[in-house]
N, C-alpha and C. Protein backbone atom coordinates (compact mmCIF):
# COMPACT_ATOMS: atom_id res chain seq x y z
N MET A 1 -155.21 39.60 9.53
CA MET A 1 -155.80 39.52 8.20
C MET A 1 -154.68 39.60 7.15
N ALA A 2 -154.66 38.68 6.22
CA ALA A 2 -153.59 38.59 5.23
C ALA A 2 -153.70 39.65 4.14
N ALA A 3 -154.81 40.37 4.08
CA ALA A 3 -155.01 41.36 3.01
C ALA A 3 -153.95 42.46 3.03
N SER A 4 -153.39 42.77 4.19
CA SER A 4 -152.39 43.83 4.28
C SER A 4 -151.07 43.41 3.63
N ARG A 5 -150.86 42.13 3.43
CA ARG A 5 -149.63 41.65 2.82
C ARG A 5 -149.53 42.02 1.34
N ASN A 6 -150.60 41.77 0.60
CA ASN A 6 -150.59 42.08 -0.83
C ASN A 6 -151.31 43.39 -1.06
N ILE A 7 -150.64 44.30 -1.74
CA ILE A 7 -151.22 45.61 -1.99
C ILE A 7 -151.62 45.72 -3.45
N SER A 8 -152.51 46.64 -3.71
CA SER A 8 -152.86 46.98 -5.07
C SER A 8 -152.13 48.28 -5.38
N VAL A 9 -151.15 48.22 -6.27
CA VAL A 9 -150.28 49.36 -6.55
C VAL A 9 -150.98 50.35 -7.48
N SER A 10 -150.97 51.61 -7.07
CA SER A 10 -151.49 52.70 -7.90
C SER A 10 -150.53 53.87 -7.76
N GLU A 11 -150.80 54.95 -8.47
CA GLU A 11 -149.91 56.11 -8.37
C GLU A 11 -149.94 56.72 -6.97
N ALA A 12 -151.00 56.47 -6.22
CA ALA A 12 -151.10 57.02 -4.86
C ALA A 12 -150.36 56.16 -3.83
N SER A 13 -149.97 54.94 -4.20
CA SER A 13 -149.28 54.04 -3.28
C SER A 13 -147.93 54.62 -2.87
N ARG A 14 -147.52 54.29 -1.66
CA ARG A 14 -146.17 54.63 -1.19
C ARG A 14 -145.48 53.31 -0.84
N PRO A 15 -144.95 52.62 -1.87
CA PRO A 15 -144.41 51.28 -1.63
C PRO A 15 -143.09 51.30 -0.86
N VAL A 16 -142.87 50.22 -0.14
CA VAL A 16 -141.64 50.04 0.62
C VAL A 16 -141.42 48.53 0.76
N LEU A 17 -140.17 48.13 0.86
CA LEU A 17 -139.90 46.72 1.11
C LEU A 17 -140.39 46.37 2.51
N PRO A 18 -140.97 45.19 2.69
CA PRO A 18 -141.41 44.80 4.04
C PRO A 18 -140.19 44.59 4.95
N ARG A 19 -140.44 44.60 6.25
CA ARG A 19 -139.33 44.46 7.23
C ARG A 19 -138.46 43.23 6.97
N HIS A 20 -139.07 42.15 6.50
CA HIS A 20 -138.32 40.90 6.33
C HIS A 20 -137.48 40.86 5.05
N ALA A 21 -137.59 41.88 4.20
CA ALA A 21 -136.85 41.88 2.92
C ALA A 21 -135.86 43.04 2.89
N LYS A 22 -134.70 42.79 2.32
CA LYS A 22 -133.66 43.81 2.21
C LYS A 22 -133.11 43.83 0.79
N LEU A 23 -132.95 45.05 0.24
CA LEU A 23 -132.30 45.22 -1.06
C LEU A 23 -130.83 45.49 -0.77
N LYS A 24 -129.95 44.62 -1.29
CA LYS A 24 -128.53 44.84 -1.05
C LYS A 24 -127.70 44.36 -2.23
N PHE A 25 -126.50 44.91 -2.31
CA PHE A 25 -125.59 44.51 -3.38
C PHE A 25 -124.82 43.28 -2.92
N ASP A 26 -124.93 42.20 -3.68
CA ASP A 26 -124.23 40.94 -3.35
C ASP A 26 -122.86 40.99 -4.01
N GLU A 27 -121.83 41.15 -3.18
CA GLU A 27 -120.46 41.26 -3.69
C GLU A 27 -120.03 40.00 -4.45
N THR A 28 -120.43 38.84 -3.97
CA THR A 28 -120.04 37.58 -4.60
C THR A 28 -120.59 37.47 -6.01
N ARG A 29 -121.87 37.77 -6.14
CA ARG A 29 -122.53 37.66 -7.45
C ARG A 29 -122.36 38.93 -8.28
N GLN A 30 -121.93 40.03 -7.65
CA GLN A 30 -121.79 41.32 -8.32
C GLN A 30 -123.11 41.79 -8.93
N LEU A 31 -124.19 41.65 -8.12
CA LEU A 31 -125.49 42.14 -8.55
C LEU A 31 -126.35 42.44 -7.34
N TRP A 32 -127.38 43.26 -7.59
CA TRP A 32 -128.33 43.60 -6.53
C TRP A 32 -129.30 42.45 -6.34
N VAL A 33 -129.65 42.17 -5.08
CA VAL A 33 -130.61 41.12 -4.77
C VAL A 33 -131.56 41.63 -3.69
N ILE A 34 -132.74 41.05 -3.67
CA ILE A 34 -133.65 41.25 -2.55
C ILE A 34 -133.56 39.98 -1.72
N LEU A 35 -133.16 40.15 -0.48
CA LEU A 35 -133.05 39.01 0.43
C LEU A 35 -134.28 38.96 1.33
N ALA A 36 -134.90 37.80 1.38
CA ALA A 36 -136.04 37.57 2.26
C ALA A 36 -135.83 36.17 2.85
N PRO A 37 -136.50 35.87 3.96
CA PRO A 37 -136.30 34.54 4.56
C PRO A 37 -136.48 33.43 3.53
N GLU A 38 -135.41 32.66 3.34
CA GLU A 38 -135.39 31.51 2.44
C GLU A 38 -135.68 31.85 0.98
N ARG A 39 -135.54 33.13 0.60
CA ARG A 39 -135.79 33.54 -0.79
C ARG A 39 -134.79 34.62 -1.18
N VAL A 40 -134.34 34.54 -2.41
CA VAL A 40 -133.48 35.58 -2.98
C VAL A 40 -134.04 35.90 -4.35
N LEU A 41 -134.18 37.18 -4.63
CA LEU A 41 -134.66 37.62 -5.93
C LEU A 41 -133.61 38.55 -6.50
N ALA A 42 -133.24 38.34 -7.77
CA ALA A 42 -132.25 39.20 -8.42
C ALA A 42 -132.98 40.07 -9.45
N PRO A 43 -133.43 41.27 -9.04
CA PRO A 43 -134.12 42.15 -9.98
C PRO A 43 -133.15 42.71 -11.02
N ASP A 44 -133.69 43.07 -12.19
CA ASP A 44 -132.83 43.65 -13.22
C ASP A 44 -132.45 45.08 -12.82
N GLU A 45 -131.57 45.67 -13.62
CA GLU A 45 -131.01 46.99 -13.32
C GLU A 45 -132.09 48.07 -13.16
N ILE A 46 -133.09 48.04 -14.02
CA ILE A 46 -134.17 49.03 -13.95
C ILE A 46 -135.00 48.82 -12.69
N ALA A 47 -135.31 47.57 -12.38
CA ALA A 47 -136.08 47.28 -11.17
C ALA A 47 -135.33 47.75 -9.93
N VAL A 48 -134.01 47.56 -9.90
CA VAL A 48 -133.20 48.01 -8.76
C VAL A 48 -133.33 49.52 -8.60
N GLU A 49 -133.23 50.24 -9.71
CA GLU A 49 -133.36 51.70 -9.64
C GLU A 49 -134.71 52.12 -9.07
N ILE A 50 -135.76 51.46 -9.51
CA ILE A 50 -137.10 51.76 -9.01
C ILE A 50 -137.21 51.40 -7.53
N LEU A 51 -136.71 50.23 -7.16
CA LEU A 51 -136.79 49.80 -5.76
C LEU A 51 -136.02 50.74 -4.83
N GLN A 52 -134.93 51.30 -5.31
CA GLN A 52 -134.17 52.23 -4.48
C GLN A 52 -134.98 53.50 -4.19
N LEU A 53 -135.98 53.78 -5.01
CA LEU A 53 -136.84 54.94 -4.80
C LEU A 53 -138.05 54.60 -3.92
N CYS A 54 -138.26 53.31 -3.67
CA CYS A 54 -139.40 52.87 -2.84
C CYS A 54 -139.01 52.96 -1.37
N ASP A 55 -139.16 54.16 -0.83
CA ASP A 55 -138.72 54.40 0.54
C ASP A 55 -139.88 54.55 1.51
N GLY A 56 -141.10 54.35 1.02
CA GLY A 56 -142.26 54.49 1.88
C GLY A 56 -142.70 55.94 2.04
N VAL A 57 -141.93 56.87 1.49
CA VAL A 57 -142.27 58.29 1.54
C VAL A 57 -142.75 58.75 0.17
N ARG A 58 -141.98 58.40 -0.86
CA ARG A 58 -142.36 58.77 -2.23
C ARG A 58 -143.56 57.96 -2.68
N SER A 59 -144.47 58.62 -3.36
CA SER A 59 -145.59 57.91 -3.97
C SER A 59 -145.12 57.34 -5.30
N VAL A 60 -145.87 56.38 -5.82
CA VAL A 60 -145.57 55.83 -7.14
C VAL A 60 -145.62 56.95 -8.17
N GLU A 61 -146.56 57.87 -8.00
CA GLU A 61 -146.66 59.02 -8.91
C GLU A 61 -145.34 59.80 -8.96
N ARG A 62 -144.75 60.07 -7.80
CA ARG A 62 -143.47 60.80 -7.76
C ARG A 62 -142.33 59.98 -8.38
N ILE A 63 -142.35 58.67 -8.15
CA ILE A 63 -141.32 57.79 -8.72
C ILE A 63 -141.41 57.83 -10.25
N ILE A 64 -142.63 57.74 -10.77
CA ILE A 64 -142.83 57.78 -12.23
C ILE A 64 -142.37 59.13 -12.79
N ASP A 65 -142.76 60.22 -12.12
CA ASP A 65 -142.34 61.56 -12.56
C ASP A 65 -140.82 61.66 -12.60
N GLN A 66 -140.18 61.17 -11.56
CA GLN A 66 -138.72 61.24 -11.45
C GLN A 66 -138.05 60.46 -12.58
N LEU A 67 -138.53 59.26 -12.85
CA LEU A 67 -137.94 58.44 -13.91
C LEU A 67 -138.21 59.02 -15.30
N ALA A 68 -139.42 59.54 -15.50
CA ALA A 68 -139.77 60.13 -16.80
C ALA A 68 -138.87 61.33 -17.08
N ALA A 69 -138.60 62.13 -16.06
CA ALA A 69 -137.73 63.31 -16.22
C ALA A 69 -136.28 62.87 -16.45
N LYS A 70 -135.83 61.89 -15.69
CA LYS A 70 -134.44 61.43 -15.80
C LYS A 70 -134.15 60.87 -17.19
N TYR A 71 -135.09 60.11 -17.73
CA TYR A 71 -134.86 59.44 -19.01
C TYR A 71 -135.55 60.14 -20.18
N THR A 72 -136.11 61.31 -19.92
CA THR A 72 -136.89 62.04 -20.93
C THR A 72 -137.73 61.07 -21.77
N ALA A 73 -138.53 60.29 -21.04
CA ALA A 73 -139.36 59.26 -21.68
C ALA A 73 -140.83 59.59 -21.47
N ASP A 74 -141.66 58.92 -22.24
CA ASP A 74 -143.10 59.10 -22.15
C ASP A 74 -143.59 58.66 -20.77
N ARG A 75 -144.22 59.59 -20.04
CA ARG A 75 -144.65 59.32 -18.68
C ARG A 75 -145.66 58.17 -18.62
N ALA A 76 -146.58 58.12 -19.56
CA ALA A 76 -147.60 57.07 -19.56
C ALA A 76 -146.97 55.69 -19.70
N ALA A 77 -146.00 55.57 -20.61
CA ALA A 77 -145.32 54.28 -20.81
C ALA A 77 -144.54 53.87 -19.57
N ILE A 78 -143.82 54.82 -19.00
CA ILE A 78 -143.06 54.53 -17.78
C ILE A 78 -144.01 54.15 -16.65
N GLY A 79 -145.11 54.89 -16.54
CA GLY A 79 -146.08 54.61 -15.48
C GLY A 79 -146.63 53.21 -15.56
N THR A 80 -146.99 52.78 -16.76
CA THR A 80 -147.53 51.44 -16.96
C THR A 80 -146.50 50.39 -16.54
N ASP A 81 -145.25 50.57 -16.97
CA ASP A 81 -144.19 49.60 -16.65
C ASP A 81 -143.87 49.58 -15.15
N VAL A 82 -143.78 50.75 -14.53
CA VAL A 82 -143.44 50.83 -13.10
C VAL A 82 -144.54 50.17 -12.27
N ILE A 83 -145.79 50.51 -12.55
CA ILE A 83 -146.89 49.93 -11.77
C ILE A 83 -146.94 48.41 -11.96
N ALA A 84 -146.75 47.93 -13.19
CA ALA A 84 -146.77 46.48 -13.43
C ALA A 84 -145.65 45.78 -12.67
N MET A 85 -144.44 46.36 -12.69
CA MET A 85 -143.31 45.75 -11.99
C MET A 85 -143.54 45.74 -10.48
N LEU A 86 -144.00 46.88 -9.93
CA LEU A 86 -144.24 46.95 -8.50
C LEU A 86 -145.37 46.02 -8.07
N GLN A 87 -146.40 45.90 -8.91
CA GLN A 87 -147.51 45.01 -8.58
C GLN A 87 -147.03 43.56 -8.56
N ASP A 88 -146.17 43.19 -9.51
CA ASP A 88 -145.61 41.84 -9.54
C ASP A 88 -144.84 41.54 -8.26
N LEU A 89 -144.01 42.50 -7.83
CA LEU A 89 -143.26 42.30 -6.58
C LEU A 89 -144.19 42.25 -5.38
N ALA A 90 -145.22 43.08 -5.37
CA ALA A 90 -146.19 43.06 -4.26
C ALA A 90 -146.90 41.71 -4.20
N ASP A 91 -147.28 41.19 -5.37
CA ASP A 91 -147.97 39.90 -5.42
C ASP A 91 -147.09 38.77 -4.90
N LYS A 92 -145.78 38.92 -5.05
CA LYS A 92 -144.84 37.89 -4.56
C LYS A 92 -144.44 38.13 -3.11
N GLY A 93 -144.97 39.20 -2.49
CA GLY A 93 -144.67 39.47 -1.09
C GLY A 93 -143.39 40.26 -0.86
N PHE A 94 -142.82 40.83 -1.93
CA PHE A 94 -141.58 41.59 -1.80
C PHE A 94 -141.81 43.09 -1.65
N LEU A 95 -143.06 43.52 -1.57
CA LEU A 95 -143.35 44.94 -1.48
C LEU A 95 -144.62 45.12 -0.67
N THR A 96 -144.65 46.16 0.12
CA THR A 96 -145.83 46.46 0.91
C THR A 96 -146.10 47.96 0.86
N GLU A 97 -147.18 48.38 1.45
CA GLU A 97 -147.56 49.80 1.47
C GLU A 97 -147.07 50.42 2.77
N ALA A 98 -146.50 51.60 2.69
CA ALA A 98 -146.10 52.33 3.90
C ALA A 98 -147.36 52.65 4.68
N ARG A 99 -147.34 52.38 5.96
CA ARG A 99 -148.55 52.55 6.77
C ARG A 99 -148.64 53.94 7.40
N GLU A 100 -147.51 54.47 7.83
CA GLU A 100 -147.56 55.76 8.51
C GLU A 100 -147.88 56.88 7.53
N LYS A 101 -148.63 57.82 7.98
CA LYS A 101 -149.01 58.95 7.12
C LYS A 101 -147.94 60.01 7.17
N THR A 102 -147.69 60.63 6.00
CA THR A 102 -146.77 61.75 5.98
C THR A 102 -147.59 63.02 5.86
N SER A 103 -147.17 64.04 6.54
CA SER A 103 -147.94 65.30 6.53
C SER A 103 -147.55 66.16 5.37
């Protein structure tokens, strides 16, 4: 069933890059890229920071809290932006939901 590919991102989500995608620093281009079969995406600096926190363990809620504290910014504004960015990546197939449960 293809429904597992696209997730609906919420604060309870625990996003992670799918097995076929890797976030890595491209030395040639001097920028971070997401590499997937026959696709390369160059996320901006803020997106890279968020993606580095998407380890399948942290919830979106924890990621938002962490960024709001780091930048002493309005949590609601950060939350809206983070969820929108992660949902966009999920819709493009660059993000999935961690399946294993953490205790």
